[in-house]
PDB file of N, CA and C in Angstrom:
ATOM      1  N   MET A   1     -30.592 213.290 134.810  1.00  0.00           N
ATOM      2  CA  MET A   1     -31.505 211.912 134.519  1.00  0.00           C
ATOM      3  C   MET A   1     -31.424 211.313 133.678  1.00  0.00           C
ATOM      4  N   ARG A   2     -30.435 211.396 132.743  1.00  0.00           N
ATOM      5  CA  ARG A   2     -29.801 210.165 131.699  1.00  0.00           C
ATOM      6  C   ARG A   2     -29.089 209.319 132.347  1.00  0.00           C
ATOM      7  N   LYS A   3     -28.798 209.486 133.509  1.00  0.00           N
ATOM      8  CA  LYS A   3     -27.871 208.314 134.322  1.00  0.00           C
ATOM      9  C   LYS A   3     -28.862 207.573 134.875  1.00  0.00           C
ATOM     10  N   SER A   4     -29.910 207.735 134.804  1.00  0.00           N
ATOM     11  CA  SER A   4     -31.137 206.984 135.646  1.00  0.00           C
ATOM     12  C   SER A   4     -31.590 205.783 134.585  1.00  0.00           C
ATOM     13  N   PHE A   5     -31.818 206.418 133.609  1.00  0.00           N
ATOM     14  CA  PHE A   5     -32.433 205.503 132.362  1.00  0.00           C
ATOM     15  C   PHE A   5     -31.609 204.326 132.119  1.00  0.00           C
ATOM     16  N   PRO A   6     -30.315 204.327 131.996  1.00  0.00           N
ATOM     17  CA  PRO A   6     -29.481 203.300 131.528  1.00  0.00           C
ATOM     18  C   PRO A   6     -29.919 202.040 133.032  1.00  0.00           C
ATOM     19  N   ALA A   7     -30.050 202.561 134.080  1.00  0.00           N
ATOM     20  CA  ALA A   7     -29.951 201.526 135.290  1.00  0.00           C
ATOM     21  C   ALA A   7     -31.587 201.163 135.018  1.00  0.00           C
ATOM     22  N   LEU A   8     -32.476 202.122 134.395  1.00  0.00           N
ATOM     23  CA  LEU A   8     -33.928 201.498 134.441  1.00  0.00           C
ATOM     24  C   LEU A   8     -34.011 200.465 133.555  1.00  0.00           C
ATOM     25  N   ILE A   9     -33.447 200.458 132.275  1.00  0.00           N
ATOM     26  CA  ILE A   9     -33.316 199.798 131.588  1.00  0.00           C
ATOM     27  C   ILE A   9     -32.801 198.620 131.730  1.00  0.00           C
ATOM     28  N   PHE A  10     -31.395 198.495 132.612  1.00  0.00           N
ATOM     29  CA  PHE A  10     -30.722 197.435 132.994  1.00  0.00           C
ATOM     30  C   PHE A  10     -31.818 196.795 134.033  1.00  0.00           C
ATOM     31  N   LEU A  11     -32.667 197.304 135.022  1.00  0.00           N
ATOM     32  CA  LEU A  11     -33.333 196.576 135.879  1.00  0.00           C
ATOM     33  C   LEU A  11     -34.554 196.099 135.120  1.00  0.00           C
ATOM     34  N   LEU A  12     -35.315 196.633 134.085  1.00  0.00           N
ATOM     35  CA  LEU A  12     -36.337 195.758 133.240  1.00  0.00           C
ATOM     36  C   LEU A  12     -35.836 194.599 132.507  1.00  0.00           C
ATOM     37  N   LEU A  13     -34.275 194.731 131.949  1.00  0.00           N
ATOM     38  CA  LEU A  13     -33.975 193.522 131.123  1.00  0.00           C
ATOM     39  C   LEU A  13     -33.223 192.473 132.167  1.00  0.00           C
ATOM     40  N   ALA A  14     -32.811 193.075 133.006  1.00  0.00           N
ATOM     41  CA  ALA A  14     -32.300 191.744 133.946  1.00  0.00           C
ATOM     42  C   ALA A  14     -32.913 190.445 134.260  1.00  0.00           C
ATOM     43  N   PRO A  15     -34.164 190.471 134.530  1.00  0.00           N
ATOM     44  CA  PRO A  15     -34.569 189.075 134.994  1.00  0.00           C
ATOM     45  C   PRO A  15     -34.686 188.433 133.695  1.00  0.00           C
ATOM     46  N   LEU A  16     -34.459 188.919 132.255  1.00  0.00           N
ATOM     47  CA  LEU A  16     -34.818 188.116 131.361  1.00  0.00           C
ATOM     48  C   LEU A  16     -33.571 188.066 130.606  1.00  0.00           C
ATOM     49  N   ALA A  17     -33.072 186.995 130.817  1.00  0.00           N
ATOM     50  CA  ALA A  17     -31.557 186.446 130.445  1.00  0.00           C
ATOM     51  C   ALA A  17     -31.428 185.552 129.366  1.00  0.00           C
ATOM     52  N   HIS A  18     -32.274 185.096 128.801  1.00  0.00           N
ATOM     53  CA  HIS A  18     -32.179 184.258 127.635  1.00  0.00           C
ATOM     54  C   HIS A  18     -32.473 184.524 126.314  1.00  0.00           C
ATOM     55  N   ALA A  19     -32.149 183.839 125.412  1.00  0.00           N
ATOM     56  CA  ALA A  19     -32.163 183.709 123.947  1.00  0.00           C
ATOM     57  C   ALA A  19     -33.417 185.276 123.641  1.00  0.00           C
ATOM     58  N   ASP A  20     -34.376 184.719 122.998  1.00  0.00           N
ATOM     59  CA  ASP A  20     -35.378 185.932 122.821  1.00  0.00           C
ATOM     60  C   ASP A  20     -36.062 186.269 124.207  1.00  0.00           C
ATOM     61  N   ARG A  21     -36.118 186.925 125.096  1.00  0.00           N
ATOM     62  CA  ARG A  21     -36.836 186.810 125.854  1.00  0.00           C
ATOM     63  C   ARG A  21     -38.106 187.631 125.924  1.00  0.00           C
ATOM     64  N   ILE A  22     -38.171 188.555 124.999  1.00  0.00           N
ATOM     65  CA  ILE A  22     -39.871 188.856 124.596  1.00  0.00           C
ATOM     66  C   ILE A  22     -40.673 187.605 124.202  1.00  0.00           C
ATOM     67  N   THR A  23     -40.394 187.037 123.512  1.00  0.00           N
ATOM     68  CA  THR A  23     -41.444 185.618 123.007  1.00  0.00           C
ATOM     69  C   THR A  23     -41.220 184.614 123.954  1.00  0.00           C
ATOM     70  N   GLN A  24     -40.328 184.787 124.779  1.00  0.00           N
ATOM     71  CA  GLN A  24     -40.326 183.425 125.881  1.00  0.00           C
ATOM     72  C   GLN A  24     -41.500 184.159 127.072  1.00  0.00           C
ATOM     73  N   MET A  25     -41.748 185.327 127.288  1.00  0.00           N
ATOM     74  CA  MET A  25     -42.666 185.721 128.306  1.00  0.00           C
ATOM     75  C   MET A  25     -43.772 185.261 128.260  1.00  0.00           C
ATOM     76  N   ASN A  26     -44.550 184.875 129.510  1.00  0.00           N
ATOM     77  CA  ASN A  26     -45.775 184.560 129.481  1.00  0.00           C
ATOM     78  C   ASN A  26     -46.689 185.831 129.635  1.00  0.00           C
ATOM     79  N   GLN A  27     -47.825 185.934 129.515  1.00  0.00           N
ATOM     80  CA  GLN A  27     -48.628 187.135 129.562  1.00  0.00           C
ATOM     81  C   GLN A  27     -48.433 188.181 130.492  1.00  0.00           C
ATOM     82  N   VAL A  28     -48.617 187.600 131.674  1.00  0.00           N
ATOM     83  CA  VAL A  28     -48.284 188.764 132.710  1.00  0.00           C
ATOM     84  C   VAL A  28     -46.882 189.127 132.802  1.00  0.00           C
ATOM     85  N   ASP A  29     -46.032 188.568 132.460  1.00  0.00           N
ATOM     86  CA  ASP A  29     -44.664 188.860 132.583  1.00  0.00           C
ATOM     87  C   ASP A  29     -44.627 189.958 131.366  1.00  0.00           C
ATOM     88  N   ARG A  30     -45.007 189.580 130.398  1.00  0.00           N
ATOM     89  CA  ARG A  30     -45.001 190.633 128.980  1.00  0.00           C
ATOM     90  C   ARG A  30     -45.632 191.783 129.533  1.00  0.00           C
ATOM     91  N   CYS A  31     -46.876 191.868 129.952  1.00  0.00           N
ATOM     92  CA  CYS A  31     -47.873 192.991 130.353  1.00  0.00           C
ATOM     93  C   CYS A  31     -47.294 193.706 131.360  1.00  0.00           C
ATOM     94  N   THR A  32     -46.557 193.128 132.248  1.00  0.00           N
ATOM     95  CA  THR A  32     -45.776 193.946 133.013  1.00  0.00           C
ATOM     96  C   THR A  32     -44.602 194.743 132.646  1.00  0.00           C
ATOM     97  N   TYR A  33     -43.851 193.727 131.864  1.00  0.00           N
ATOM     98  CA  TYR A  33     -42.926 194.682 131.151  1.00  0.00           C
ATOM     99  C   TYR A  33     -43.086 195.888 130.288  1.00  0.00           C
ATOM    100  N   VAL A  34     -44.217 195.605 129.692  1.00  0.00           N
ATOM    101  CA  VAL A  34     -44.789 196.789 128.846  1.00  0.00           C
ATOM    102  C   VAL A  34     -45.207 197.559 129.688  1.00  0.00           C
ATOM    103  N   ALA A  35     -46.263 197.625 130.716  1.00  0.00           N
ATOM    104  CA  ALA A  35     -46.416 198.960 131.678  1.00  0.00           C
ATOM    105  C   ALA A  35     -45.177 199.633 132.252  1.00  0.00           C
ATOM    106  N   LYS A  36     -43.942 198.760 132.573  1.00  0.00           N
ATOM    107  CA  LYS A  36     -42.897 199.378 132.851  1.00  0.00           C
ATOM    108  C   LYS A  36     -42.049 200.208 131.901  1.00  0.00           C
ATOM    109  N   LEU A  37     -42.196 199.819 130.926  1.00  0.00           N
ATOM    110  CA  LEU A  37     -41.618 200.505 129.816  1.00  0.00           C
ATOM    111  C   LEU A  37     -42.158 201.783 129.333  1.00  0.00           C
ATOM    112  N   GLU A  38     -43.802 201.670 129.365  1.00  0.00           N
ATOM    113  CA  GLU A  38     -44.603 202.943 129.245  1.00  0.00           C
ATOM    114  C   GLU A  38     -44.457 203.742 130.154  1.00  0.00           C
ATOM    115  N   VAL A  39     -44.389 203.486 131.386  1.00  0.00           N
ATOM    116  CA  VAL A  39     -44.255 204.003 132.601  1.00  0.00           C
ATOM    117  C   VAL A  39     -42.904 205.202 132.510  1.00  0.00           C
ATOM    118  N   ALA A  40     -41.537 204.328 132.337  1.00  0.00           N
ATOM    119  CA  ALA A  40     -40.609 204.915 132.110  1.00  0.00           C
ATOM    120  C   ALA A  40     -40.702 206.123 131.189  1.00  0.00           C
ATOM    121  N   ALA A  41     -41.496 205.755 129.744  1.00  0.00           N
ATOM    122  CA  ALA A  41     -41.520 206.529 128.789  1.00  0.00           C
ATOM    123  C   ALA A  41     -42.394 207.881 129.441  1.00  0.00           C
ATOM    124  N   TYR A  42     -43.387 207.588 130.341  1.00  0.00           N
ATOM    125  CA  TYR A  42     -44.063 208.573 130.754  1.00  0.00           C
ATOM    126  C   TYR A  42     -43.527 209.615 131.578  1.00  0.00           C
ATOM    127  N   TYR A  43     -42.447 209.179 132.525  1.00  0.00           N
ATOM    128  CA  TYR A  43     -41.534 210.095 133.255  1.00  0.00           C
ATOM    129  C   TYR A  43     -40.988 211.033 132.370  1.00  0.00           C
ATOM    130  N   PHE A  44     -40.270 210.476 131.205  1.00  0.00           N
ATOM    131  CA  PHE A  44     -39.526 211.578 130.414  1.00  0.00           C
ATOM    132  C   PHE A  44     -40.530 212.251 129.584  1.00  0.00           C
ATOM    133  N   PHE A  45     -41.527 211.921 129.243  1.00  0.00           N
ATOM    134  CA  PHE A  45     -42.599 212.650 128.527  1.00  0.00           C
ATOM    135  C   PHE A  45     -42.804 213.653 129.559  1.00  0.00           C
ATOM    136  N   GLU A  46     -43.283 213.566 130.635  1.00  0.00           N
ATOM    137  CA  GLU A  46     -43.913 214.315 131.720  1.00  0.00           C
ATOM    138  C   GLU A  46     -42.604 215.665 131.930  1.00  0.00           C
ATOM    139  N   GLN A  47     -41.243 214.845 131.781  1.00  0.00           N
ATOM    140  CA  GLN A  47     -40.384 216.011 131.928  1.00  0.00           C
ATOM    141  C   GLN A  47     -40.292 217.125 130.864  1.00  0.00           C
ATOM    142  N   GLY A  48     -40.913 216.575 129.693  1.00  0.00           N
ATOM    143  CA  GLY A  48     -40.225 217.509 128.450  1.00  0.00           C
ATOM    144  C   GLY A  48     -39.380 217.259 127.775  1.00  0.00           C
ATOM    145  N   ARG A  49     -38.991 215.895 127.937  1.00  0.00           N
ATOM    146  CA  ARG A  49     -38.024 214.970 126.884  1.00  0.00           C
ATOM    147  C   ARG A  49     -39.046 214.556 125.568  1.00  0.00           C
ATOM    148  N   ALA A  50     -38.142 215.075 124.448  1.00  0.00           N
ATOM    149  CA  ALA A  50     -38.664 214.507 123.298  1.00  0.00           C
ATOM    150  C   ALA A  50     -38.334 213.083 123.016  1.00  0.00           C
ATOM    151  N   ARG A  51     -38.909 212.417 122.408  1.00  0.00           N
ATOM    152  CA  ARG A  51     -38.892 210.653 122.059  1.00  0.00           C
ATOM    153  C   ARG A  51     -37.188 210.704 121.573  1.00  0.00           C
ATOM    154  N   GLN A  52     -36.827 211.329 120.562  1.00  0.00           N
ATOM    155  CA  GLN A  52     -35.570 211.334 120.114  1.00  0.00           C
ATOM    156  C   GLN A  52     -34.323 211.506 121.002  1.00  0.00           C
ATOM    157  N   ASP A  53     -34.932 212.155 122.304  1.00  0.00           N
ATOM    158  CA  ASP A  53     -33.989 212.667 123.198  1.00  0.00           C
ATOM    159  C   ASP A  53     -33.771 211.644 124.013  1.00  0.00           C
ATOM    160  N   VAL A  54     -34.470 210.491 124.138  1.00  0.00           N
ATOM    161  CA  VAL A  54     -34.446 209.395 125.211  1.00  0.00           C
ATOM    162  C   VAL A  54     -33.363 208.426 124.758  1.00  0.00           C
ATOM    163  N   VAL A  55     -32.405 208.407 125.352  1.00  0.00           N
ATOM    164  CA  VAL A  55     -31.267 207.265 124.931  1.00  0.00           C
ATOM    165  C   VAL A  55     -31.696 206.067 125.411  1.00  0.00           C
ATOM    166  N   LEU A  56     -31.734 204.997 124.788  1.00  0.00           N
ATOM    167  CA  LEU A  56     -31.670 203.248 125.519  1.00  0.00           C
ATOM    168  C   LEU A  56     -30.470 203.069 125.239  1.00  0.00           C
ATOM    169  N   HIS A  57     -29.693 202.454 126.375  1.00  0.00           N
ATOM    170  CA  HIS A  57     -28.598 201.800 126.376  1.00  0.00           C
ATOM    171  C   HIS A  57     -28.704 200.329 126.673  1.00  0.00           C
ATOM    172  N   TRP A  58     -28.009 199.903 125.598  1.00  0.00           N
ATOM    173  CA  TRP A  58     -28.297 198.413 125.554  1.00  0.00           C
ATOM    174  C   TRP A  58     -27.109 197.486 126.070  1.00  0.00           C
ATOM    175  N   HIS A  59     -27.061 195.956 126.607  1.00  0.00           N
ATOM    176  CA  HIS A  59     -26.207 195.267 127.008  1.00  0.00           C
ATOM    177  C   HIS A  59     -25.152 194.588 125.971  1.00  0.00           C
ATOM    178  N   GLY A  60     -26.075 194.526 124.720  1.00  0.00           N
ATOM    179  CA  GLY A  60     -25.026 193.930 123.568  1.00  0.00           C
ATOM    180  C   GLY A  60     -25.586 192.736 123.315  1.00  0.00           C
ATOM    181  N   ASP A  61     -26.388 192.102 124.270  1.00  0.00           N
ATOM    182  CA  ASP A  61     -27.110 190.324 123.830  1.00  0.00           C
ATOM    183  C   ASP A  61     -28.355 190.507 123.603  1.00  0.00           C
ATOM    184  N   GLU A  62     -28.712 191.667 123.127  1.00  0.00           N
ATOM    185  CA  GLU A  62     -30.283 191.747 122.905  1.00  0.00           C
ATOM    186  C   GLU A  62     -30.815 191.152 121.419  1.00  0.00           C
ATOM    187  N   THR A  63     -31.586 190.656 121.079  1.00  0.00           N
ATOM    188  CA  THR A  63     -31.877 190.045 119.776  1.00  0.00           C
ATOM    189  C   THR A  63     -32.561 191.297 119.039  1.00  0.00           C
ATOM    190  N   GLU A  64     -32.558 191.416 117.688  1.00  0.00           N
ATOM    191  CA  GLU A  64     -33.326 192.504 116.708  1.00  0.00           C
ATOM    192  C   GLU A  64     -34.688 192.337 117.424  1.00  0.00           C
ATOM    193  N   ASN A  65     -35.413 191.479 117.640  1.00  0.00           N
ATOM    194  CA  ASN A  65     -36.738 191.629 118.230  1.00  0.00           C
ATOM    195  C   ASN A  65     -37.080 192.043 119.268  1.00  0.00           C
ATOM    196  N   GLU A  66     -36.100 191.829 120.243  1.00  0.00           N
ATOM    197  CA  GLU A  66     -36.005 192.734 121.544  1.00  0.00           C
ATOM    198  C   GLU A  66     -35.797 194.134 121.698  1.00  0.00           C
ATOM    199  N   ILE A  67     -34.794 194.544 120.673  1.00  0.00           N
ATOM    200  CA  ILE A  67     -34.662 195.954 120.627  1.00  0.00           C
ATOM    201  C   ILE A  67     -36.089 196.371 119.719  1.00  0.00           C
ATOM    202  N   ALA A  68     -36.214 195.982 118.855  1.00  0.00           N
ATOM    203  CA  ALA A  68     -37.782 196.500 117.979  1.00  0.00           C
ATOM    204  C   ALA A  68     -38.695 196.437 119.112  1.00  0.00           C
ATOM    205  N   PHE A  69     -38.971 195.483 119.817  1.00  0.00           N
ATOM    206  CA  PHE A  69     -40.126 195.604 120.670  1.00  0.00           C
ATOM    207  C   PHE A  69     -39.823 196.713 121.792  1.00  0.00           C
ATOM    208  N   VAL A  70     -39.035 196.936 122.427  1.00  0.00           N
ATOM    209  CA  VAL A  70     -38.483 197.878 123.526  1.00  0.00           C
ATOM    210  C   VAL A  70     -38.814 199.460 122.772  1.00  0.00           C
ATOM    211  N   ASN A  71     -38.178 199.708 121.649  1.00  0.00           N
ATOM    212  CA  ASN A  71     -38.190 200.855 120.665  1.00  0.00           C
ATOM    213  C   ASN A  71     -39.734 201.145 120.374  1.00  0.00           C
ATOM    214  N   ASP A  72     -40.451 199.909 119.895  1.00  0.00           N
ATOM    215  CA  ASP A  72     -41.805 200.316 119.619  1.00  0.00           C
ATOM    216  C   ASP A  72     -42.518 200.694 120.796  1.00  0.00           C
ATOM    217  N   THR A  73     -42.125 200.069 121.888  1.00  0.00           N
ATOM    218  CA  THR A  73     -43.468 199.977 122.935  1.00  0.00           C
ATOM    219  C   THR A  73     -43.095 201.714 123.558  1.00  0.00           C
ATOM    220  N   VAL A  74     -41.745 202.082 123.398  1.00  0.00           N
ATOM    221  CA  VAL A  74     -41.817 203.546 123.809  1.00  0.00           C
ATOM    222  C   VAL A  74     -41.981 204.625 122.923  1.00  0.00           C
ATOM    223  N   ASP A  75     -42.072 204.328 121.708  1.00  0.00           N
ATOM    224  CA  ASP A  75     -42.268 205.357 120.462  1.00  0.00           C
ATOM    225  C   ASP A  75     -43.908 205.113 120.774  1.00  0.00           C
ATOM    226  N   LYS A  76     -44.672 204.059 120.977  1.00  0.00           N
ATOM    227  CA  LYS A  76     -46.483 203.916 121.068  1.00  0.00           C
ATOM    228  C   LYS A  76     -46.403 204.907 122.203  1.00  0.00           C
ATOM    229  N   ALA A  77     -45.935 204.745 123.282  1.00  0.00           N
ATOM    230  CA  ALA A  77     -46.299 205.452 124.490  1.00  0.00           C
ATOM    231  C   ALA A  77     -45.891 206.711 124.378  1.00  0.00           C
ATOM    232  N   TYR A  78     -44.766 207.417 123.703  1.00  0.00           N
ATOM    233  CA  TYR A  78     -44.858 208.689 123.340  1.00  0.00           C
ATOM    234  C   TYR A  78     -46.269 209.221 122.633  1.00  0.00           C
ATOM    235  N   ALA A  79     -46.568 208.375 121.629  1.00  0.00           N
ATOM    236  CA  ALA A  79     -47.751 208.739 120.661  1.00  0.00           C
ATOM    237  C   ALA A  79     -48.955 209.147 121.384  1.00  0.00           C
ATOM    238  N   TRP A  80     -49.084 207.819 122.398  1.00  0.00           N
ATOM    239  CA  TRP A  80     -50.434 208.070 123.065  1.00  0.00           C
ATOM    240  C   TRP A  80     -50.490 209.107 124.022  1.00  0.00           C
ATOM    241  N   LEU A  81     -49.296 209.452 124.418  1.00  0.00           N
ATOM    242  CA  LEU A  81     -49.002 210.649 125.730  1.00  0.00           C
ATOM    243  C   LEU A  81     -49.371 211.799 125.045  1.00  0.00           C
ATOM    244  N   GLN A  82     -48.914 211.946 123.904  1.00  0.00           N
ATOM    245  CA  GLN A  82     -48.946 213.322 123.112  1.00  0.00           C
ATOM    246  C   GLN A  82     -50.438 213.449 122.666  1.00  0.00           C
ATOM    247  N   ALA A  83     -51.038 212.255 121.954  1.00  0.00           N
ATOM    248  CA  ALA A  83     -52.409 212.504 121.654  1.00  0.00           C
ATOM    249  C   ALA A  83     -53.265 213.074 123.210  1.00  0.00           C
ATOM    250  N   TRP A  84     -52.838 212.189 123.841  1.00  0.00           N
ATOM    251  CA  TRP A  84     -53.759 212.353 125.390  1.00  0.00           C
ATOM    252  C   TRP A  84     -53.243 214.066 125.793  1.00  0.00           C
ATOM    253  N   LYS A  85     -52.258 214.481 125.889  1.00  0.00           N
ATOM    254  CA  LYS A  85     -51.765 215.748 126.115  1.00  0.00           C
ATOM    255  C   LYS A  85     -52.501 216.901 125.228  1.00  0.00           C
ATOM    256  N   GLU A  86     -52.762 216.280 124.093  1.00  0.00           N
ATOM    257  CA  GLU A  86     -53.373 217.326 123.179  1.00  0.00           C
ATOM    258  C   GLU A  86     -54.793 217.528 123.062  1.00  0.00           C
ATOM    259  N   SER A  87     -55.728 216.109 123.842  1.00  0.00           N
ATOM    260  CA  SER A  87     -56.976 216.195 123.758  1.00  0.00           C
ATOM    261  C   SER A  87     -57.639 216.392 125.395  1.00  0.00           C
ATOM    262  N   SER A  88     -56.645 216.585 126.331  1.00  0.00           N
ATOM    263  CA  SER A  88     -56.883 216.611 127.831  1.00  0.00           C
ATOM    264  C   SER A  88     -56.494 217.866 128.439  1.00  0.00           C
ATOM    265  N   THR A  89     -56.896 218.471 129.513  1.00  0.00           N
ATOM    266  CA  THR A  89     -56.721 219.639 130.317  1.00  0.00           C
ATOM    267  C   THR A  89     -55.237 219.207 131.444  1.00  0.00           C
ATOM    268  N   GLU A  90     -55.108 217.929 131.573  1.00  0.00           N
ATOM    269  CA  GLU A  90     -54.209 217.287 132.558  1.00  0.00           C
ATOM    270  C   GLU A  90     -53.760 215.871 132.204  1.00  0.00           C
ATOM    271  N   MET A  91     -52.499 215.652 132.657  1.00  0.00           N
ATOM    272  CA  MET A  91     -52.136 214.447 132.479  1.00  0.00           C
ATOM    273  C   MET A  91     -52.484 213.367 133.484  1.00  0.00           C
ATOM    274  N   LEU A  92     -52.569 212.357 132.921  1.00  0.00           N
ATOM    275  CA  LEU A  92     -53.200 210.988 133.939  1.00  0.00           C
ATOM    276  C   LEU A  92     -52.053 210.996 134.887  1.00  0.00           C
ATOM    277  N   PRO A  93     -52.258 210.538 136.171  1.00  0.00           N
ATOM    278  CA  PRO A  93     -51.006 210.336 137.085  1.00  0.00           C
ATOM    279  C   PRO A  93     -50.423 208.985 136.625  1.00  0.00           C
ATOM    280  N   ALA A  94     -49.143 208.639 136.654  1.00  0.00           N
ATOM    281  CA  ALA A  94     -48.221 207.975 136.305  1.00  0.00           C
ATOM    282  C   ALA A  94     -48.787 206.246 136.683  1.00  0.00           C
ATOM    283  N   GLN A  95     -49.062 206.334 137.876  1.00  0.00           N
ATOM    284  CA  GLN A  95     -49.794 205.104 138.416  1.00  0.00           C
ATOM    285  C   GLN A  95     -51.049 204.716 137.576  1.00  0.00           C
ATOM    286  N   SER A  96     -51.990 205.589 137.175  1.00  0.00           N
ATOM    287  CA  SER A  96     -53.033 205.247 136.602  1.00  0.00           C
ATOM    288  C   SER A  96     -52.775 204.758 135.012  1.00  0.00           C
ATOM    289  N   PHE A  97     -51.884 205.504 134.561  1.00  0.00           N
ATOM    290  CA  PHE A  97     -51.453 205.197 132.926  1.00  0.00           C
ATOM    291  C   PHE A  97     -50.829 204.000 133.048  1.00  0.00           C
ATOM    292  N   GLY A  98     -50.207 203.531 134.089  1.00  0.00           N
ATOM    293  CA  GLY A  98     -49.338 202.145 134.374  1.00  0.00           C
ATOM    294  C   GLY A  98     -50.472 201.169 134.308  1.00  0.00           C
ATOM    295  N   ASP A  99     -51.437 201.331 135.062  1.00  0.00           N
ATOM    296  CA  ASP A  99     -52.383 200.532 135.450  1.00  0.00           C
ATOM    297  C   ASP A  99     -53.094 200.144 134.145  1.00  0.00           C
ATOM    298  N   MET A 100     -53.748 201.385 133.474  1.00  0.00           N
ATOM    299  CA  MET A 100     -54.527 201.309 132.274  1.00  0.00           C
ATOM    300  C   MET A 100     -53.726 200.401 131.295  1.00  0.00           C
ATOM    301  N   ILE A 101     -52.206 200.684 131.036  1.00  0.00           N
ATOM    302  CA  ILE A 101     -51.388 199.958 130.058  1.00  0.00           C
ATOM    303  C   ILE A 101     -51.399 198.448 130.543  1.00  0.00           C
ATOM    304  N   TYR A 102     -51.568 198.301 131.885  1.00  0.00           N
ATOM    305  CA  TYR A 102     -51.344 196.683 132.060  1.00  0.00           C
ATOM    306  C   TYR A 102     -52.493 196.200 131.758  1.00  0.00           C
ATOM    307  N   GLN A 103     -53.980 196.679 132.135  1.00  0.00           N
ATOM    308  CA  GLN A 103     -55.049 196.024 132.034  1.00  0.00           C
ATOM    309  C   GLN A 103     -55.348 195.871 130.489  1.00  0.00           C
ATOM    310  N   ALA A 104     -54.998 196.925 129.626  1.00  0.00           N
ATOM    311  CA  ALA A 104     -55.374 196.489 128.167  1.00  0.00           C
ATOM    312  C   ALA A 104     -54.460 195.768 127.571  1.00  0.00           C
ATOM    313  N   CYS A 105     -53.376 195.696 128.176  1.00  0.00           N
ATOM    314  CA  CYS A 105     -52.344 194.309 127.727  1.00  0.00           C
ATOM    315  C   CYS A 105     -53.055 193.139 128.115  1.00  0.00           C
ATOM    316  N   MET A 106     -53.450 193.004 129.257  1.00  0.00           N
ATOM    317  CA  MET A 106     -53.959 191.645 129.563  1.00  0.00           C
ATOM    318  C   MET A 106     -55.290 191.068 128.993  1.00  0.00           C
ATOM    319  N   GLU A 107     -56.174 192.190 128.492  1.00  0.00           N
ATOM    320  CA  GLU A 107     -57.129 192.216 127.714  1.00  0.00           C
ATOM    321  C   GLU A 107     -57.250 191.854 126.255  1.00  0.00           C
ATOM    322  N   GLY A 108     -55.899 192.116 126.042  1.00  0.00           N
ATOM    323  CA  GLY A 108     -55.351 191.984 124.522  1.00  0.00           C
ATOM    324  C   GLY A 108     -55.911 193.152 123.614  1.00  0.00           C
ATOM    325  N   LYS A 109     -56.098 194.349 124.074  1.00  0.00           N
ATOM    326  CA  LYS A 109     -56.333 195.566 123.795  1.00  0.00           C
ATOM    327  C   LYS A 109     -55.086 196.492 123.348  1.00  0.00           C
ATOM    328  N   LEU A 110     -55.088 197.234 122.440  1.00  0.00           N
ATOM    329  CA  LEU A 110     -54.054 198.233 122.326  1.00  0.00           C
ATOM    330  C   LEU A 110     -54.519 199.565 122.506  1.00  0.00           C
ATOM    331  N   LEU A 111     -53.887 200.434 123.061  1.00  0.00           N
ATOM    332  CA  LEU A 111     -54.261 201.845 123.264  1.00  0.00           C
ATOM    333  C   LEU A 111     -53.593 202.674 122.256  1.00  0.00           C
TER     334      LEU A 111
END
């Protein structure tokens, strides 16, 4: 499974090819990106992988802001998922989780 995460990060970052890609994104693109990152985190969380065991592979052209944004997004997803797991009898389906993240982002709400 470790081999698939670098490919996933590459696919997520590939469309973003300029200076600071995060700050240049419009709201729809940024919310889509956040949802993709958090669903990727969901996938590893569901498999029982601890956050510190999820290795992010970088291309080398990311800004500090981009790296911080991705790490912060994945960290927040893990924290939210852990809290959900502790307070619920079952996990949300991945698609429902992604939809919820996207909607909250589009509404300017934090989960």
